């Protein structure tokens, strides 16, 4: 599965791990992965093993943000490869998420 979750800090922090292509095909798996977790948790999306993302993946991240509390959400996107960072910058996602 290209999306997995790891609970950290007694469930108060959830790491979502993205592997390979992150696109529309992952929509259901991604949603089910984060909806199974505490919505008040802090989320960390680890992109270290991600190779690609498309516009539907951007939409999925926005849905995660809504699930986690909208503007009050605590979501970090870490280990972002250069090609994906470029997409985040063009899409102005740096204003919505903490991205490194």
PDB file of N, CA and C in Angstrom:
ATOM      1  N   UNK A   1       0.844  -1.179   0.000  1.00  0.00           N
ATOM      2  CA  UNK A   1       0.000   0.000   0.000  1.00  0.00           C
ATOM      3  C   UNK A   1       0.888   1.240   0.000  1.00  0.00           C
ATOM      4  N   UNK A   2       0.619   2.198  -0.838  1.00  0.00           N
ATOM      5  CA  UNK A   2       1.466   3.384  -0.922  1.00  0.00           C
ATOM      6  C   UNK A   2       1.251   4.383   0.207  1.00  0.00           C
ATOM      7  N   UNK A   3       0.242   4.172   1.070  1.00  0.00           N
ATOM      8  CA  UNK A   3      -0.028   5.060   2.190  1.00  0.00           C
ATOM      9  C   UNK A   3      -0.126   4.221   3.449  1.00  0.00           C
ATOM     10  N   UNK A   4       0.613   4.615   4.481  1.00  0.00           N
ATOM     11  CA  UNK A   4       0.502   3.930   5.760  1.00  0.00           C
ATOM     12  C   UNK A   4       0.571   4.964   6.875  1.00  0.00           C
ATOM     13  N   UNK A   5       0.164   4.562   8.064  1.00  0.00           N
ATOM     14  CA  UNK A   5       0.165   5.474   9.208  1.00  0.00           C
ATOM     15  C   UNK A   5       0.908   4.842  10.372  1.00  0.00           C
ATOM     16  N   UNK A   6       1.524   5.715  11.148  1.00  0.00           N
ATOM     17  CA  UNK A   6       2.216   5.285  12.354  1.00  0.00           C
ATOM     18  C   UNK A   6       1.813   6.251  13.462  1.00  0.00           C
ATOM     19  N   UNK A   7       1.305   5.727  14.555  1.00  0.00           N
ATOM     20  CA  UNK A   7       0.895   6.549  15.685  1.00  0.00           C
ATOM     21  C   UNK A   7       2.112   6.858  16.552  1.00  0.00           C
ATOM     22  N   UNK A   8       2.265   8.123  16.886  1.00  0.00           N
ATOM     23  CA  UNK A   8       3.368   8.581  17.726  1.00  0.00           C
ATOM     24  C   UNK A   8       2.803   9.345  18.920  1.00  0.00           C
ATOM     25  N   UNK A   9       3.561   9.474  19.951  1.00  0.00           N
ATOM     26  CA  UNK A   9       3.176  10.298  21.099  1.00  0.00           C
ATOM     27  C   UNK A   9       1.797   9.900  21.636  1.00  0.00           C
ATOM     28  N   UNK A  10       1.596   8.633  21.900  1.00  0.00           N
ATOM     29  CA  UNK A  10       0.338   8.085  22.438  1.00  0.00           C
ATOM     30  C   UNK A  10      -0.880   8.452  21.589  1.00  0.00           C
ATOM     31  N   UNK A  11      -0.698   8.509  20.287  1.00  0.00           N
ATOM     32  CA  UNK A  11      -1.810   8.800  19.386  1.00  0.00           C
ATOM     33  C   UNK A  11      -2.086  10.267  19.167  1.00  0.00           C
ATOM     34  N   UNK A  12      -1.324  11.128  19.820  1.00  0.00           N
ATOM     35  CA  UNK A  12      -1.511  12.564  19.635  1.00  0.00           C
ATOM     36  C   UNK A  12      -0.813  13.086  18.388  1.00  0.00           C
ATOM     37  N   UNK A  13       0.033  12.269  17.818  1.00  0.00           N
ATOM     38  CA  UNK A  13       0.746  12.632  16.604  1.00  0.00           C
ATOM     39  C   UNK A  13       0.678  11.432  15.665  1.00  0.00           C
ATOM     40  N   UNK A  14       0.275  11.682  14.441  1.00  0.00           N
ATOM     41  CA  UNK A  14       0.125  10.617  13.454  1.00  0.00           C
ATOM     42  C   UNK A  14       1.045  10.916  12.279  1.00  0.00           C
ATOM     43  N   UNK A  15       1.884   9.948  11.929  1.00  0.00           N
ATOM     44  CA  UNK A  15       2.737  10.087  10.745  1.00  0.00           C
ATOM     45  C   UNK A  15       2.101   9.298   9.605  1.00  0.00           C
ATOM     46  N   UNK A  16       1.790  10.001   8.524  1.00  0.00           N
ATOM     47  CA  UNK A  16       1.287   9.376   7.304  1.00  0.00           C
ATOM     48  C   UNK A  16       2.459   9.256   6.347  1.00  0.00           C
ATOM     49  N   UNK A  17       2.747   8.059   5.903  1.00  0.00           N
ATOM     50  CA  UNK A  17       3.913   7.799   5.061  1.00  0.00           C
ATOM     51  C   UNK A  17       3.435   7.539   3.639  1.00  0.00           C
ATOM     52  N   UNK A  18       3.927   8.360   2.712  1.00  0.00           N
ATOM     53  CA  UNK A  18       3.556   8.253   1.304  1.00  0.00           C
ATOM     54  C   UNK A  18       4.712   7.584   0.563  1.00  0.00           C
ATOM     55  N   UNK A  19       4.389   6.574  -0.246  1.00  0.00           N
ATOM     56  CA  UNK A  19       5.417   5.873  -1.014  1.00  0.00           C
ATOM     57  C   UNK A  19       5.045   5.864  -2.486  1.00  0.00           C
ATOM     58  N   UNK A  20       6.017   6.111  -3.336  1.00  0.00           N
ATOM     59  CA  UNK A  20       5.804   6.028  -4.781  1.00  0.00           C
ATOM     60  C   UNK A  20       4.938   7.163  -5.292  1.00  0.00           C
ATOM     61  N   UNK A  21       4.035   6.824  -6.203  1.00  0.00           N
ATOM     62  CA  UNK A  21       3.131   7.806  -6.805  1.00  0.00           C
ATOM     63  C   UNK A  21       1.979   8.095  -5.845  1.00  0.00           C
ATOM     64  N   UNK A  22       1.683   9.369  -5.659  1.00  0.00           N
ATOM     65  CA  UNK A  22       0.576   9.800  -4.822  1.00  0.00           C
ATOM     66  C   UNK A  22      -0.421  10.476  -5.753  1.00  0.00           C
ATOM     67  N   UNK A  23      -1.459   9.739  -6.143  1.00  0.00           N
ATOM     68  CA  UNK A  23      -2.396  10.255  -7.137  1.00  0.00           C
ATOM     69  C   UNK A  23      -3.807   9.746  -6.842  1.00  0.00           C
ATOM     70  N   UNK A  24      -4.714   9.971  -7.769  1.00  0.00           N
ATOM     71  CA  UNK A  24      -6.120   9.633  -7.578  1.00  0.00           C
ATOM     72  C   UNK A  24      -6.326   8.181  -7.164  1.00  0.00           C
ATOM     73  N   UNK A  25      -5.492   7.294  -7.609  1.00  0.00           N
ATOM     74  CA  UNK A  25      -5.625   5.880  -7.254  1.00  0.00           C
ATOM     75  C   UNK A  25      -5.500   5.629  -5.753  1.00  0.00           C
ATOM     76  N   UNK A  26      -4.894   6.585  -5.029  1.00  0.00           N
ATOM     77  CA  UNK A  26      -4.666   6.439  -3.590  1.00  0.00           C
ATOM     78  C   UNK A  26      -5.730   7.124  -2.747  1.00  0.00           C
ATOM     79  N   UNK A  27      -6.730   7.722  -3.403  1.00  0.00           N
ATOM     80  CA  UNK A  27      -7.723   8.527  -2.703  1.00  0.00           C
ATOM     81  C   UNK A  27      -8.394   7.768  -1.551  1.00  0.00           C
ATOM     82  N   UNK A  28      -8.936   6.604  -1.821  1.00  0.00           N
ATOM     83  CA  UNK A  28      -9.654   5.842  -0.799  1.00  0.00           C
ATOM     84  C   UNK A  28      -8.717   5.395   0.318  1.00  0.00           C
ATOM     85  N   UNK A  29      -7.573   4.864  -0.027  1.00  0.00           N
ATOM     86  CA  UNK A  29      -6.617   4.391   0.985  1.00  0.00           C
ATOM     87  C   UNK A  29      -6.139   5.535   1.866  1.00  0.00           C
ATOM     88  N   UNK A  30      -5.869   6.695   1.259  1.00  0.00           N
ATOM     89  CA  UNK A  30      -5.399   7.847   2.039  1.00  0.00           C
ATOM     90  C   UNK A  30      -6.488   8.302   3.004  1.00  0.00           C
ATOM     91  N   UNK A  31      -7.707   8.449   2.517  1.00  0.00           N
ATOM     92  CA  UNK A  31      -8.819   8.903   3.353  1.00  0.00           C
ATOM     93  C   UNK A  31      -9.067   7.920   4.500  1.00  0.00           C
ATOM     94  N   UNK A  32      -9.105   6.638   4.199  1.00  0.00           N
ATOM     95  CA  UNK A  32      -9.339   5.639   5.243  1.00  0.00           C
ATOM     96  C   UNK A  32      -8.220   5.628   6.277  1.00  0.00           C
ATOM     97  N   UNK A  33      -7.012   5.890   5.836  1.00  0.00           N
ATOM     98  CA  UNK A  33      -5.868   5.899   6.755  1.00  0.00           C
ATOM     99  C   UNK A  33      -5.985   7.029   7.767  1.00  0.00           C
ATOM    100  N   UNK A  34      -6.272   8.249   7.316  1.00  0.00           N
ATOM    101  CA  UNK A  34      -6.340   9.342   8.291  1.00  0.00           C
ATOM    102  C   UNK A  34      -7.664   9.375   9.050  1.00  0.00           C
ATOM    103  N   UNK A  35      -8.743   8.904   8.461  1.00  0.00           N
ATOM    104  CA  UNK A  35     -10.028   8.917   9.178  1.00  0.00           C
ATOM    105  C   UNK A  35     -10.047   7.899  10.311  1.00  0.00           C
ATOM    106  N   UNK A  36      -9.191   6.925  10.271  1.00  0.00           N
ATOM    107  CA  UNK A  36      -9.107   5.934  11.341  1.00  0.00           C
ATOM    108  C   UNK A  36      -8.377   6.483  12.564  1.00  0.00           C
ATOM    109  N   UNK A  37      -7.809   7.673  12.431  1.00  0.00           N
ATOM    110  CA  UNK A  37      -7.006   8.255  13.511  1.00  0.00           C
ATOM    111  C   UNK A  37      -7.761   9.381  14.215  1.00  0.00           C
ATOM    112  N   UNK A  38      -7.223   9.843  15.310  1.00  0.00           N
ATOM    113  CA  UNK A  38      -7.782  10.923  16.113  1.00  0.00           C
ATOM    114  C   UNK A  38      -7.765  12.236  15.311  1.00  0.00           C
ATOM    115  N   UNK A  39      -8.935  12.846  15.036  1.00  0.00           N
ATOM    116  CA  UNK A  39      -8.945  14.069  14.234  1.00  0.00           C
ATOM    117  C   UNK A  39      -8.275  15.257  14.920  1.00  0.00           C
ATOM    118  N   UNK A  40      -8.133  15.204  16.231  1.00  0.00           N
ATOM    119  CA  UNK A  40      -7.495  16.297  16.946  1.00  0.00           C
ATOM    120  C   UNK A  40      -5.979  16.161  16.987  1.00  0.00           C
ATOM    121  N   UNK A  41      -5.485  15.095  16.428  1.00  0.00           N
ATOM    122  CA  UNK A  41      -4.050  14.817  16.468  1.00  0.00           C
ATOM    123  C   UNK A  41      -3.270  15.778  15.575  1.00  0.00           C
ATOM    124  N   UNK A  42      -2.003  15.840  15.830  1.00  0.00           N
ATOM    125  CA  UNK A  42      -1.076  16.532  14.921  1.00  0.00           C
ATOM    126  C   UNK A  42      -0.674  15.517  13.862  1.00  0.00           C
ATOM    127  N   UNK A  43      -0.653  15.950  12.614  1.00  0.00           N
ATOM    128  CA  UNK A  43      -0.312  15.059  11.509  1.00  0.00           C
ATOM    129  C   UNK A  43       1.036  15.439  10.912  1.00  0.00           C
ATOM    130  N   UNK A  44       1.800  14.424  10.576  1.00  0.00           N
ATOM    131  CA  UNK A  44       3.055  14.598   9.854  1.00  0.00           C
ATOM    132  C   UNK A  44       2.948  13.735   8.605  1.00  0.00           C
ATOM    133  N   UNK A  45       3.050  14.369   7.442  1.00  0.00           N
ATOM    134  CA  UNK A  45       2.998  13.640   6.175  1.00  0.00           C
ATOM    135  C   UNK A  45       4.438  13.493   5.695  1.00  0.00           C
ATOM    136  N   UNK A  46       4.942  12.279   5.709  1.00  0.00           N
ATOM    137  CA  UNK A  46       6.324  12.006   5.344  1.00  0.00           C
ATOM    138  C   UNK A  46       6.383  11.642   3.858  1.00  0.00           C
ATOM    139  N   UNK A  47       7.016  12.511   3.082  1.00  0.00           N
ATOM    140  CA  UNK A  47       7.089  12.335   1.626  1.00  0.00           C
ATOM    141  C   UNK A  47       8.437  11.765   1.171  1.00  0.00           C
ATOM    142  N   UNK A  48       9.237  11.274   2.106  1.00  0.00           N
ATOM    143  CA  UNK A  48      10.584  10.816   1.767  1.00  0.00           C
ATOM    144  C   UNK A  48      10.604   9.806   0.619  1.00  0.00           C
ATOM    145  N   UNK A  49       9.634   8.905   0.580  1.00  0.00           N
ATOM    146  CA  UNK A  49       9.615   7.860  -0.442  1.00  0.00           C
ATOM    147  C   UNK A  49       8.644   8.173  -1.589  1.00  0.00           C
ATOM    148  N   UNK A  50       8.091   9.394  -1.584  1.00  0.00           N
ATOM    149  CA  UNK A  50       7.170   9.785  -2.652  1.00  0.00           C
ATOM    150  C   UNK A  50       7.960  10.143  -3.908  1.00  0.00           C
ATOM    151  N   UNK A  51       7.415   9.759  -5.049  1.00  0.00           N
ATOM    152  CA  UNK A  51       8.083  10.031  -6.323  1.00  0.00           C
ATOM    153  C   UNK A  51       7.338  11.056  -7.160  1.00  0.00           C
ATOM    154  N   UNK A  52       6.029  11.170  -6.924  1.00  0.00           N
ATOM    155  CA  UNK A  52       5.184  11.981  -7.799  1.00  0.00           C
ATOM    156  C   UNK A  52       3.892  12.293  -7.067  1.00  0.00           C
ATOM    157  N   UNK A  53       3.316  13.463  -7.337  1.00  0.00           N
ATOM    158  CA  UNK A  53       1.957  13.726  -6.906  1.00  0.00           C
ATOM    159  C   UNK A  53       1.247  14.545  -7.960  1.00  0.00           C
ATOM    160  N   UNK A  54      -0.072  14.374  -8.028  1.00  0.00           N
ATOM    161  CA  UNK A  54      -0.859  15.110  -9.006  1.00  0.00           C
ATOM    162  C   UNK A  54      -1.857  16.013  -8.284  1.00  0.00           C
ATOM    163  N   UNK A  55      -2.719  16.671  -9.044  1.00  0.00           N
ATOM    164  CA  UNK A  55      -3.656  17.616  -8.448  1.00  0.00           C
ATOM    165  C   UNK A  55      -4.644  16.930  -7.502  1.00  0.00           C
ATOM    166  N   UNK A  56      -4.981  15.697  -7.751  1.00  0.00           N
ATOM    167  CA  UNK A  56      -5.885  15.008  -6.826  1.00  0.00           C
ATOM    168  C   UNK A  56      -5.198  14.767  -5.485  1.00  0.00           C
ATOM    169  N   UNK A  57      -3.894  14.566  -5.480  1.00  0.00           N
ATOM    170  CA  UNK A  57      -3.151  14.413  -4.227  1.00  0.00           C
ATOM    171  C   UNK A  57      -3.177  15.726  -3.443  1.00  0.00           C
ATOM    172  N   UNK A  58      -3.090  16.852  -4.152  1.00  0.00           N
ATOM    173  CA  UNK A  58      -3.206  18.148  -3.481  1.00  0.00           C
ATOM    174  C   UNK A  58      -4.580  18.261  -2.831  1.00  0.00           C
ATOM    175  N   UNK A  59      -5.606  17.832  -3.542  1.00  0.00           N
ATOM    176  CA  UNK A  59      -6.950  17.835  -2.987  1.00  0.00           C
ATOM    177  C   UNK A  59      -7.075  16.944  -1.765  1.00  0.00           C
ATOM    178  N   UNK A  60      -6.412  15.801  -1.793  1.00  0.00           N
ATOM    179  CA  UNK A  60      -6.447  14.885  -0.653  1.00  0.00           C
ATOM    180  C   UNK A  60      -5.801  15.527   0.573  1.00  0.00           C
ATOM    181  N   UNK A  61      -4.726  16.264   0.358  1.00  0.00           N
ATOM    182  CA  UNK A  61      -4.083  16.959   1.470  1.00  0.00           C
ATOM    183  C   UNK A  61      -4.999  18.034   2.040  1.00  0.00           C
ATOM    184  N   UNK A  62      -5.751  18.705   1.179  1.00  0.00           N
ATOM    185  CA  UNK A  62      -6.720  19.700   1.651  1.00  0.00           C
ATOM    186  C   UNK A  62      -7.839  19.037   2.457  1.00  0.00           C
ATOM    187  N   UNK A  63      -8.280  17.854   2.040  1.00  0.00           N
ATOM    188  CA  UNK A  63      -9.293  17.122   2.807  1.00  0.00           C
ATOM    189  C   UNK A  63      -8.749  16.687   4.166  1.00  0.00           C
ATOM    190  N   UNK A  64      -7.495  16.293   4.217  1.00  0.00           N
ATOM    191  CA  UNK A  64      -6.858  15.967   5.489  1.00  0.00           C
ATOM    192  C   UNK A  64      -6.864  17.200   6.390  1.00  0.00           C
ATOM    193  N   UNK A  65      -6.553  18.343   5.819  1.00  0.00           N
ATOM    194  CA  UNK A  65      -6.530  19.604   6.583  1.00  0.00           C
ATOM    195  C   UNK A  65      -7.904  19.882   7.184  1.00  0.00           C
ATOM    196  N   UNK A  66      -8.958  19.696   6.412  1.00  0.00           N
ATOM    197  CA  UNK A  66     -10.317  19.893   6.921  1.00  0.00           C
ATOM    198  C   UNK A  66     -10.621  18.902   8.039  1.00  0.00           C
ATOM    199  N   UNK A  67     -10.260  17.652   7.848  1.00  0.00           N
ATOM    200  CA  UNK A  67     -10.479  16.615   8.853  1.00  0.00           C
ATOM    201  C   UNK A  67      -9.769  16.963  10.162  1.00  0.00           C
ATOM    202  N   UNK A  68      -8.597  17.552  10.053  1.00  0.00           N
ATOM    203  CA  UNK A  68      -7.767  17.849  11.225  1.00  0.00           C
ATOM    204  C   UNK A  68      -8.103  19.194  11.873  1.00  0.00           C
ATOM    205  N   UNK A  69      -9.104  19.890  11.351  1.00  0.00           N
ATOM    206  CA  UNK A  69      -9.513  21.134  12.019  1.00  0.00           C
ATOM    207  C   UNK A  69      -9.402  22.384  11.183  1.00  0.00           C
ATOM    208  N   UNK A  70      -9.195  22.255   9.891  1.00  0.00           N
ATOM    209  CA  UNK A  70      -9.130  23.437   9.010  1.00  0.00           C
ATOM    210  C   UNK A  70      -7.965  24.340   9.362  1.00  0.00           C
ATOM    211  N   UNK A  71      -8.248  25.607   9.606  1.00  0.00           N
ATOM    212  CA  UNK A  71      -7.182  26.570   9.909  1.00  0.00           C
ATOM    213  C   UNK A  71      -6.468  26.249  11.213  1.00  0.00           C
ATOM    214  N   UNK A  72      -7.117  25.506  12.099  1.00  0.00           N
ATOM    215  CA  UNK A  72      -6.516  25.139  13.384  1.00  0.00           C
ATOM    216  C   UNK A  72      -5.695  23.856  13.303  1.00  0.00           C
ATOM    217  N   UNK A  73      -5.674  23.229  12.134  1.00  0.00           N
ATOM    218  CA  UNK A  73      -4.982  21.955  11.959  1.00  0.00           C
ATOM    219  C   UNK A  73      -3.474  22.106  12.160  1.00  0.00           C
ATOM    220  N   UNK A  74      -2.894  21.072  12.690  1.00  0.00           N
ATOM    221  CA  UNK A  74      -1.439  20.996  12.863  1.00  0.00           C
ATOM    222  C   UNK A  74      -0.935  19.905  11.926  1.00  0.00           C
ATOM    223  N   UNK A  75      -0.510  20.324  10.727  1.00  0.00           N
ATOM    224  CA  UNK A  75      -0.036  19.368   9.730  1.00  0.00           C
ATOM    225  C   UNK A  75       1.311  19.829   9.205  1.00  0.00           C
ATOM    226  N   UNK A  76       2.276  18.946   9.255  1.00  0.00           N
ATOM    227  CA  UNK A  76       3.595  19.200   8.678  1.00  0.00           C
ATOM    228  C   UNK A  76       3.822  18.206   7.554  1.00  0.00           C
ATOM    229  N   UNK A  77       4.424  18.677   6.482  1.00  0.00           N
ATOM    230  CA  UNK A  77       4.824  17.801   5.388  1.00  0.00           C
ATOM    231  C   UNK A  77       6.344  17.808   5.390  1.00  0.00           C
ATOM    232  N   UNK A  78       6.935  16.640   5.579  1.00  0.00           N
ATOM    233  CA  UNK A  78       8.388  16.573   5.765  1.00  0.00           C
ATOM    234  C   UNK A  78       9.047  15.714   4.684  1.00  0.00           C
ATOM    235  N   UNK A  79      10.366  15.862   4.606  1.00  0.00           N
ATOM    236  CA  UNK A  79      11.188  15.067   3.680  1.00  0.00           C
ATOM    237  C   UNK A  79      10.683  15.175   2.240  1.00  0.00           C
ATOM    238  N   UNK A  80      10.326  16.369   1.841  1.00  0.00           N
ATOM    239  CA  UNK A  80       9.725  16.585   0.527  1.00  0.00           C
ATOM    240  C   UNK A  80      10.789  16.638  -0.562  1.00  0.00           C
ATOM    241  N   UNK A  81      10.723  15.742  -1.542  1.00  0.00           N
ATOM    242  CA  UNK A  81      11.675  15.787  -2.657  1.00  0.00           C
ATOM    243  C   UNK A  81      11.516  17.091  -3.453  1.00  0.00           C
ATOM    244  N   UNK A  82      12.585  17.504  -4.114  1.00  0.00           N
ATOM    245  CA  UNK A  82      12.589  18.771  -4.850  1.00  0.00           C
ATOM    246  C   UNK A  82      11.467  18.874  -5.878  1.00  0.00           C
ATOM    247  N   UNK A  83      11.221  17.796  -6.633  1.00  0.00           N
ATOM    248  CA  UNK A  83      10.185  17.868  -7.664  1.00  0.00           C
ATOM    249  C   UNK A  83       8.793  18.078  -7.059  1.00  0.00           C
ATOM    250  N   UNK A  84       8.546  17.530  -5.890  1.00  0.00           N
ATOM    251  CA  UNK A  84       7.259  17.705  -5.220  1.00  0.00           C
ATOM    252  C   UNK A  84       7.201  19.066  -4.525  1.00  0.00           C
ATOM    253  N   UNK A  85       8.321  19.510  -3.978  1.00  0.00           N
ATOM    254  CA  UNK A  85       8.378  20.836  -3.357  1.00  0.00           C
ATOM    255  C   UNK A  85       8.022  21.915  -4.383  1.00  0.00           C
ATOM    256  N   UNK A  86       8.479  21.731  -5.590  1.00  0.00           N
ATOM    257  CA  UNK A  86       8.177  22.685  -6.661  1.00  0.00           C
ATOM    258  C   UNK A  86       6.662  22.789  -6.878  1.00  0.00           C
ATOM    259  N   UNK A  87       5.974  21.663  -6.871  1.00  0.00           N
ATOM    260  CA  UNK A  87       4.514  21.651  -7.029  1.00  0.00           C
ATOM    261  C   UNK A  87       3.847  22.360  -5.851  1.00  0.00           C
ATOM    262  N   UNK A  88       4.325  22.117  -4.630  1.00  0.00           N
ATOM    263  CA  UNK A  88       3.765  22.789  -3.461  1.00  0.00           C
ATOM    264  C   UNK A  88       3.941  24.303  -3.559  1.00  0.00           C
ATOM    265  N   UNK A  89       5.097  24.739  -4.013  1.00  0.00           N
ATOM    266  CA  UNK A  89       5.336  26.189  -4.145  1.00  0.00           C
ATOM    267  C   UNK A  89       4.427  26.814  -5.199  1.00  0.00           C
ATOM    268  N   UNK A  90       4.320  26.165  -6.339  1.00  0.00           N
ATOM    269  CA  UNK A  90       3.461  26.680  -7.411  1.00  0.00           C
ATOM    270  C   UNK A  90       2.003  26.733  -6.943  1.00  0.00           C
ATOM    271  N   UNK A  91       1.593  25.759  -6.162  1.00  0.00           N
ATOM    272  CA  UNK A  91       0.217  25.669  -5.675  1.00  0.00           C
ATOM    273  C   UNK A  91      -0.023  26.505  -4.419  1.00  0.00           C
ATOM    274  N   UNK A  92       1.004  27.169  -3.926  1.00  0.00           N
ATOM    275  CA  UNK A  92       0.933  28.010  -2.730  1.00  0.00           C
ATOM    276  C   UNK A  92       0.565  27.215  -1.469  1.00  0.00           C
ATOM    277  N   UNK A  93       0.946  25.957  -1.433  1.00  0.00           N
ATOM    278  CA  UNK A  93       0.645  25.119  -0.278  1.00  0.00           C
ATOM    279  C   UNK A  93       1.486  25.496   0.940  1.00  0.00           C
ATOM    280  N   UNK A  94       2.559  26.241   0.737  1.00  0.00           N
ATOM    281  CA  UNK A  94       3.388  26.656   1.865  1.00  0.00           C
ATOM    282  C   UNK A  94       2.637  27.586   2.806  1.00  0.00           C
ATOM    283  N   UNK A  95       1.557  28.202   2.317  1.00  0.00           N
ATOM    284  CA  UNK A  95       0.756  29.065   3.180  1.00  0.00           C
ATOM    285  C   UNK A  95      -0.280  28.254   3.979  1.00  0.00           C
ATOM    286  N   UNK A  96      -0.505  27.002   3.603  1.00  0.00           N
ATOM    287  CA  UNK A  96      -1.497  26.165   4.270  1.00  0.00           C
ATOM    288  C   UNK A  96      -0.887  25.102   5.176  1.00  0.00           C
ATOM    289  N   UNK A  97       0.332  24.685   4.876  1.00  0.00           N
ATOM    290  CA  UNK A  97       0.997  23.608   5.598  1.00  0.00           C
ATOM    291  C   UNK A  97       2.413  24.034   5.962  1.00  0.00           C
ATOM    292  N   UNK A  98       2.957  23.407   6.999  1.00  0.00           N
ATOM    293  CA  UNK A  98       4.384  23.547   7.294  1.00  0.00           C
ATOM    294  C   UNK A  98       5.099  22.518   6.436  1.00  0.00           C
ATOM    295  N   UNK A  99       5.897  22.987   5.483  1.00  0.00           N
ATOM    296  CA  UNK A  99       6.537  22.073   4.530  1.00  0.00           C
ATOM    297  C   UNK A  99       8.043  22.174   4.639  1.00  0.00           C
ATOM    298  N   UNK A 100       8.698  21.003   4.727  1.00  0.00           N
ATOM    299  CA  UNK A 100      10.162  20.967   4.774  1.00  0.00           C
ATOM    300  C   UNK A 100      10.657  19.872   3.854  1.00  0.00           C
TER     301      UNK A 100
END
